[in-house]
C-alpha atoms as a PDB file:
ATOM      1  CA  MET A   1     -18.641  11.945  13.944  1.00  0.00           C
ATOM      2  CA  THR A   2     -16.404  14.889  14.522  1.00  0.00           C
ATOM      3  CA  HIS A   3     -13.898  16.162  11.968  1.00  0.00           C
ATOM      4  CA  ILE A   4     -10.264  16.605  13.008  1.00  0.00           C
ATOM      5  CA  SER A   5      -8.381  19.244  11.094  1.00  0.00           C
ATOM      6  CA  PRO A   6      -4.887  18.122   9.992  1.00  0.00           C
ATOM      7  CA  ASP A   7      -3.653  21.754   9.945  1.00  0.00           C
ATOM      8  CA  PRO A   8      -1.814  23.163  12.980  1.00  0.00           C
ATOM      9  CA  GLU A   9      -3.269  26.165  14.668  1.00  0.00           C
ATOM     10  CA  PRO A  10      -0.603  28.990  14.483  1.00  0.00           C
ATOM     11  CA  GLU A  11      -1.730  30.621  17.733  1.00  0.00           C
ATOM     12  CA  ARG A  12      -1.236  27.420  19.755  1.00  0.00           C
ATOM     13  CA  THR A  13       1.688  25.725  17.883  1.00  0.00           C
ATOM     14  CA  PRO A  14       5.192  26.420  19.411  1.00  0.00           C
ATOM     15  CA  GLY A  15       7.925  27.305  16.973  1.00  0.00           C
ATOM     16  CA  LEU A  16       5.808  29.153  14.368  1.00  0.00           C
ATOM     17  CA  GLU A  17       6.288  32.745  13.421  1.00  0.00           C
ATOM     18  CA  PRO A  18       3.415  35.181  13.288  1.00  0.00           C
ATOM     19  CA  GLY A  19       2.800  34.502   9.627  1.00  0.00           C
ATOM     20  CA  GLY A  20       2.643  30.757  10.151  1.00  0.00           C
ATOM     21  CA  GLY A  21       6.231  30.230   8.891  1.00  0.00           C
ATOM     22  CA  VAL A  22       8.979  28.206  10.588  1.00  0.00           C
ATOM     23  CA  PRO A  23      12.221  29.974  11.634  1.00  0.00           C
ATOM     24  CA  PRO A  24      15.501  28.506  10.339  1.00  0.00           C
ATOM     25  CA  GLY A  25      16.716  25.518  12.385  1.00  0.00           C
ATOM     26  CA  GLU A  26      13.227  24.814  13.748  1.00  0.00           C
ATOM     27  CA  THR A  27      11.412  21.599  12.850  1.00  0.00           C
ATOM     28  CA  PRO A  28       7.837  22.166  11.468  1.00  0.00           C
ATOM     29  CA  PRO A  29       4.952  20.489  13.279  1.00  0.00           C
ATOM     30  CA  ALA A  30       4.048  17.029  12.233  1.00  0.00           C
ATOM     31  CA  GLU A  31       0.754  16.206  10.659  1.00  0.00           C
ATOM     32  CA  SER A  32      -1.894  14.879  12.880  1.00  0.00           C
ATOM     33  CA  SER A  33      -3.374  11.494  12.406  1.00  0.00           C
ATOM     34  CA  LEU A  34      -6.425  11.263  10.224  1.00  0.00           C
ATOM     35  CA  PRO A  35      -8.723   8.541  11.581  1.00  0.00           C
ATOM     36  CA  GLU A  36     -11.369   9.377   8.999  1.00  0.00           C
ATOM     37  CA  ALA A  37      -8.951   9.213   6.078  1.00  0.00           C
ATOM     38  CA  GLY A  38     -10.771   6.589   4.020  1.00  0.00           C
ATOM     39  CA  PRO A  39     -14.009   4.625   3.446  1.00  0.00           C
ATOM     40  CA  ARG A  40     -14.926   1.905   5.822  1.00  0.00           C
ATOM     41  CA  GLU A  41     -13.816  -1.457   4.410  1.00  0.00           C
ATOM     42  CA  THR A  42     -16.546  -4.006   4.889  1.00  0.00           C
ATOM     43  CA  HIS A  43     -15.401  -6.826   2.589  1.00  0.00           C
ATOM     44  CA  ASN A  44     -11.960  -8.170   3.351  1.00  0.00           C
ATOM     45  CA  PRO A  45     -11.636 -11.967   2.911  1.00  0.00           C
ATOM     46  CA  PRO A  46      -9.476 -13.475   5.604  1.00  0.00           C
ATOM     47  CA  LYS A  47      -8.013 -16.266   3.461  1.00  0.00           C
ATOM     48  CA  GLY A  48      -5.696 -15.997   0.485  1.00  0.00           C
ATOM     49  CA  TRP A  49      -6.045 -17.626  -2.918  1.00  0.00           C
ATOM     50  CA  SER A  50      -8.880 -20.060  -3.358  1.00  0.00           C
ATOM     51  CA  ARG A  51      -8.088 -23.533  -4.637  1.00  0.00           C
ATOM     52  CA  ALA A  52      -9.433 -23.280  -8.269  1.00  0.00           C
ATOM     53  CA  PRO A  53      -7.376 -20.225  -9.383  1.00  0.00           C
ATOM     54  CA  LEU A  54      -4.213 -21.558  -7.749  1.00  0.00           C
ATOM     55  CA  ALA A  55      -4.789 -25.006  -9.388  1.00  0.00           C
ATOM     56  CA  VAL A  56      -5.194 -23.356 -12.805  1.00  0.00           C
ATOM     57  CA  ILE A  57      -1.981 -21.358 -12.379  1.00  0.00           C
ATOM     58  CA  ILE A  58      -0.059 -24.449 -11.298  1.00  0.00           C
ATOM     59  CA  VAL A  59      -1.386 -26.403 -14.312  1.00  0.00           C
ATOM     60  CA  VAL A  60      -0.425 -23.679 -16.728  1.00  0.00           C
ATOM     61  CA  VAL A  61       3.124 -23.426 -15.282  1.00  0.00           C
ATOM     62  CA  VAL A  62       3.566 -27.211 -15.486  1.00  0.00           C
ATOM     63  CA  LEU A  63       2.374 -27.213 -19.125  1.00  0.00           C
ATOM     64  CA  VAL A  64       4.792 -24.380 -20.052  1.00  0.00           C
ATOM     65  CA  ALA A  65       7.663 -26.067 -18.290  1.00  0.00           C
ATOM     66  CA  ALA A  66       6.859 -29.426 -20.019  1.00  0.00           C
ATOM     67  CA  PHE A  67       6.769 -27.660 -23.403  1.00  0.00           C
ATOM     68  CA  PHE A  68      10.193 -26.019 -22.929  1.00  0.00           C
ATOM     69  CA  LEU A  69      11.637 -29.293 -21.659  1.00  0.00           C
ATOM     70  CA  ALA A  70      10.346 -31.216 -24.690  1.00  0.00           C
ATOM     71  CA  TYR A  71      11.612 -28.464 -26.987  1.00  0.00           C
ATOM     72  CA  ALA A  72      15.008 -28.704 -25.400  1.00  0.00           C
ATOM     73  CA  LEU A  73      15.054 -32.487 -25.805  1.00  0.00           C
ATOM     74  CA  VAL A  74      14.089 -32.224 -29.500  1.00  0.00           C
ATOM     75  CA  LEU A  75      16.962 -29.758 -30.033  1.00  0.00           C
ATOM     76  CA  ILE A  76      19.501 -32.065 -28.293  1.00  0.00           C
ATOM     77  CA  LEU A  77      18.447 -35.179 -30.263  1.00  0.00           C
END
């Protein structure tokens, strides 16, 4: 695997002054792509939520909604 340096080479980059600076009105060189930027991701599940956690969340939401509905009915009556 070879390492790609993200820094521009001042000798070969157009628009750079001798010290590596950029003259006024000139756009600095863009960063190069870093294909080796992060670790290789080996575990990436293709599906979203599994059924059990989703079912637990739905049950909790329904129970909270039922509680507030019952509380509102008690306040009205």
